[in-house]
Amino acid sequence: MPDLWVPGAAEPSLDDFVARVHKQIEAYTSSHAADQSEVEVELADGERVTLESLSPEPGFGFVTLTVHPEDDANARQLIVPVGSIRRIALGPAEAERASFGFSLPS
């Protein structure tokens, strides 16, 4: 599958997109001193969220972002169109904020 989707070609797979993001996070984490990476997503409306996980469900152009809770409350989930993701930033999870690390699937 080419890196660039063109009309008439097979539609890009959300499963493949999420797997590639996970692979990039894993590569970033292994190349830095931190045990975990912090993953921040910027959405089209300007909202920035720190992710706990990313899932290709429910599909049909949508992904599920599990957002770290601001405190010890339950994490919230956002189901957003993949096109609303403007930027994904990776950085080392700070030691005092280790709970903000991203959880890769097993």
C-alpha atoms as a PDB file:
ATOM      1  CA  MET A   1       0.000   0.000   0.000  1.00  0.00           C
ATOM      2  CA  PRO A   2       1.484   3.389  -0.929  1.00  0.00           C
ATOM      3  CA  ASP A   3       2.144   6.010   1.738  1.00  0.00           C
ATOM      4  CA  LEU A   4      -0.149   8.432  -0.084  1.00  0.00           C
ATOM      5  CA  TRP A   5      -3.785   7.606  -0.734  1.00  0.00           C
ATOM      6  CA  VAL A   6      -5.068   8.606  -4.140  1.00  0.00           C
ATOM      7  CA  PRO A   7      -8.653   8.432  -5.412  1.00  0.00           C
ATOM      8  CA  GLY A   8      -9.349   5.108  -7.061  1.00  0.00           C
ATOM      9  CA  ALA A   9      -6.927   3.249  -4.805  1.00  0.00           C
ATOM     10  CA  ALA A  10      -8.090   1.078  -1.927  1.00  0.00           C
ATOM     11  CA  GLU A  11      -9.288   3.145   1.021  1.00  0.00           C
ATOM     12  CA  PRO A  12      -6.749   3.448   3.844  1.00  0.00           C
ATOM     13  CA  SER A  13      -7.376   1.110   6.780  1.00  0.00           C
ATOM     14  CA  LEU A  14      -7.964   2.569  10.251  1.00  0.00           C
ATOM     15  CA  ASP A  15      -6.529  -0.633  11.728  1.00  0.00           C
ATOM     16  CA  ASP A  16      -3.355  -0.058   9.727  1.00  0.00           C
ATOM     17  CA  PHE A  17      -3.237   3.620  10.718  1.00  0.00           C
ATOM     18  CA  VAL A  18      -3.539   2.820  14.443  1.00  0.00           C
ATOM     19  CA  ALA A  19      -1.007  -0.036  14.156  1.00  0.00           C
ATOM     20  CA  ARG A  20       1.463   2.338  12.494  1.00  0.00           C
ATOM     21  CA  VAL A  21       0.934   4.992  15.204  1.00  0.00           C
ATOM     22  CA  HIS A  22       1.517   2.315  17.865  1.00  0.00           C
ATOM     23  CA  LYS A  23       4.677   1.216  16.034  1.00  0.00           C
ATOM     24  CA  GLN A  24       5.930   4.817  15.935  1.00  0.00           C
ATOM     25  CA  ILE A  25       5.235   5.278  19.666  1.00  0.00           C
ATOM     26  CA  GLU A  26       7.072   2.029  20.436  1.00  0.00           C
ATOM     27  CA  ALA A  27      10.052   3.123  18.318  1.00  0.00           C
ATOM     28  CA  TYR A  28      10.141   6.536  20.001  1.00  0.00           C
ATOM     29  CA  THR A  29       9.943   5.000  23.485  1.00  0.00           C
ATOM     30  CA  SER A  30      12.732   2.509  22.814  1.00  0.00           C
ATOM     31  CA  SER A  31      15.008   5.243  21.436  1.00  0.00           C
ATOM     32  CA  HIS A  32      14.692   7.505  24.501  1.00  0.00           C
ATOM     33  CA  ALA A  33      15.654   7.122  28.139  1.00  0.00           C
ATOM     34  CA  ALA A  34      12.080   7.201  29.474  1.00  0.00           C
ATOM     35  CA  ASP A  35      10.258   3.958  30.288  1.00  0.00           C
ATOM     36  CA  GLN A  36       7.076   5.316  28.716  1.00  0.00           C
ATOM     37  CA  SER A  37       6.113   7.986  26.232  1.00  0.00           C
ATOM     38  CA  GLU A  38       3.541  10.710  26.651  1.00  0.00           C
ATOM     39  CA  VAL A  39       1.252  11.006  23.628  1.00  0.00           C
ATOM     40  CA  GLU A  40      -0.611  14.265  23.051  1.00  0.00           C
ATOM     41  CA  VAL A  41      -3.206  14.682  20.303  1.00  0.00           C
ATOM     42  CA  GLU A  42      -4.358  18.041  18.977  1.00  0.00           C
ATOM     43  CA  LEU A  43      -7.830  18.040  17.462  1.00  0.00           C
ATOM     44  CA  ALA A  44      -9.211  20.326  14.752  1.00  0.00           C
ATOM     45  CA  ASP A  45     -11.017  22.490  17.325  1.00  0.00           C
ATOM     46  CA  GLY A  46      -7.694  23.179  19.084  1.00  0.00           C
ATOM     47  CA  GLU A  47      -8.346  20.864  22.046  1.00  0.00           C
ATOM     48  CA  ARG A  48      -5.241  18.988  23.202  1.00  0.00           C
ATOM     49  CA  VAL A  49      -5.569  15.729  25.076  1.00  0.00           C
ATOM     50  CA  THR A  50      -3.018  13.367  26.604  1.00  0.00           C
ATOM     51  CA  LEU A  51      -3.779   9.801  25.569  1.00  0.00           C
ATOM     52  CA  GLU A  52      -3.833   6.641  27.582  1.00  0.00           C
ATOM     53  CA  SER A  53      -4.617   4.581  24.471  1.00  0.00           C
ATOM     54  CA  LEU A  54      -5.786   4.731  20.850  1.00  0.00           C
ATOM     55  CA  SER A  55      -8.194   2.272  19.210  1.00  0.00           C
ATOM     56  CA  PRO A  56      -9.378   1.873  15.604  1.00  0.00           C
ATOM     57  CA  GLU A  57     -12.900   1.200  16.876  1.00  0.00           C
ATOM     58  CA  PRO A  58     -15.684   1.887  16.032  1.00  0.00           C
ATOM     59  CA  GLY A  59     -14.276   2.253  12.509  1.00  0.00           C
ATOM     60  CA  PHE A  60     -16.094   3.830   9.567  1.00  0.00           C
ATOM     61  CA  GLY A  61     -13.681   6.770   9.696  1.00  0.00           C
ATOM     62  CA  PHE A  62     -13.751   7.107  13.500  1.00  0.00           C
ATOM     63  CA  VAL A  63     -11.174   6.195  16.167  1.00  0.00           C
ATOM     64  CA  THR A  64     -11.459   6.075  19.956  1.00  0.00           C
ATOM     65  CA  LEU A  65      -9.095   8.192  22.053  1.00  0.00           C
ATOM     66  CA  THR A  66      -8.907   7.153  25.706  1.00  0.00           C
ATOM     67  CA  VAL A  67      -7.860  10.307  27.515  1.00  0.00           C
ATOM     68  CA  HIS A  68      -5.919  10.360  30.772  1.00  0.00           C
ATOM     69  CA  PRO A  69      -8.060  11.675  33.608  1.00  0.00           C
ATOM     70  CA  GLU A  70      -7.105  15.078  34.984  1.00  0.00           C
ATOM     71  CA  ASP A  71      -7.174  13.570  38.485  1.00  0.00           C
ATOM     72  CA  ASP A  72      -7.901  10.087  39.872  1.00  0.00           C
ATOM     73  CA  ALA A  73     -11.340   9.977  38.231  1.00  0.00           C
ATOM     74  CA  ASN A  74     -12.125   7.541  35.434  1.00  0.00           C
ATOM     75  CA  ALA A  75     -10.551   8.210  32.074  1.00  0.00           C
ATOM     76  CA  ARG A  76     -12.896   9.543  29.395  1.00  0.00           C
ATOM     77  CA  GLN A  77     -13.128   8.349  25.835  1.00  0.00           C
ATOM     78  CA  LEU A  78     -13.568  10.471  22.747  1.00  0.00           C
ATOM     79  CA  ILE A  79     -14.803   8.956  19.497  1.00  0.00           C
ATOM     80  CA  VAL A  80     -13.596  11.295  16.774  1.00  0.00           C
ATOM     81  CA  PRO A  81     -13.294  11.255  13.000  1.00  0.00           C
ATOM     82  CA  VAL A  82      -9.690  10.438  12.117  1.00  0.00           C
ATOM     83  CA  GLY A  83      -9.667  13.585   9.946  1.00  0.00           C
ATOM     84  CA  SER A  84     -10.128  15.748  13.055  1.00  0.00           C
ATOM     85  CA  ILE A  85      -6.662  14.763  14.321  1.00  0.00           C
ATOM     86  CA  ARG A  86      -4.332  17.616  13.429  1.00  0.00           C
ATOM     87  CA  ARG A  87      -1.188  16.567  15.275  1.00  0.00           C
ATOM     88  CA  ILE A  88       0.194  13.727  17.385  1.00  0.00           C
ATOM     89  CA  ALA A  89       3.117  14.737  19.632  1.00  0.00           C
ATOM     90  CA  LEU A  90       5.394  12.203  21.315  1.00  0.00           C
ATOM     91  CA  GLY A  91       7.602  12.928  24.291  1.00  0.00           C
ATOM     92  CA  PRO A  92       9.061  11.098  27.261  1.00  0.00           C
ATOM     93  CA  ALA A  93       6.640  10.695  30.166  1.00  0.00           C
ATOM     94  CA  GLU A  94       8.024  12.679  33.074  1.00  0.00           C
ATOM     95  CA  ALA A  95       8.887  10.625  36.168  1.00  0.00           C
ATOM     96  CA  GLU A  96       6.488  12.558  38.419  1.00  0.00           C
ATOM     97  CA  ARG A  97       3.752  12.087  35.814  1.00  0.00           C
ATOM     98  CA  ALA A  98       4.520   8.444  35.014  1.00  0.00           C
ATOM     99  CA  SER A  99       0.818   7.668  35.176  1.00  0.00           C
ATOM    100  CA  PHE A 100       0.459   9.720  31.978  1.00  0.00           C
ATOM    101  CA  GLY A 101       2.369   7.201  29.883  1.00  0.00           C
ATOM    102  CA  PHE A 102       0.752   5.635  26.822  1.00  0.00           C
ATOM    103  CA  SER A 103      -0.308   1.983  27.029  1.00  0.00           C
ATOM    104  CA  LEU A 104       0.586   0.026  23.901  1.00  0.00           C
ATOM    105  CA  PRO A 105      -1.559  -3.034  23.170  1.00  0.00           C
ATOM    106  CA  SER A 106      -0.120  -6.388  24.254  1.00  0.00           C
END
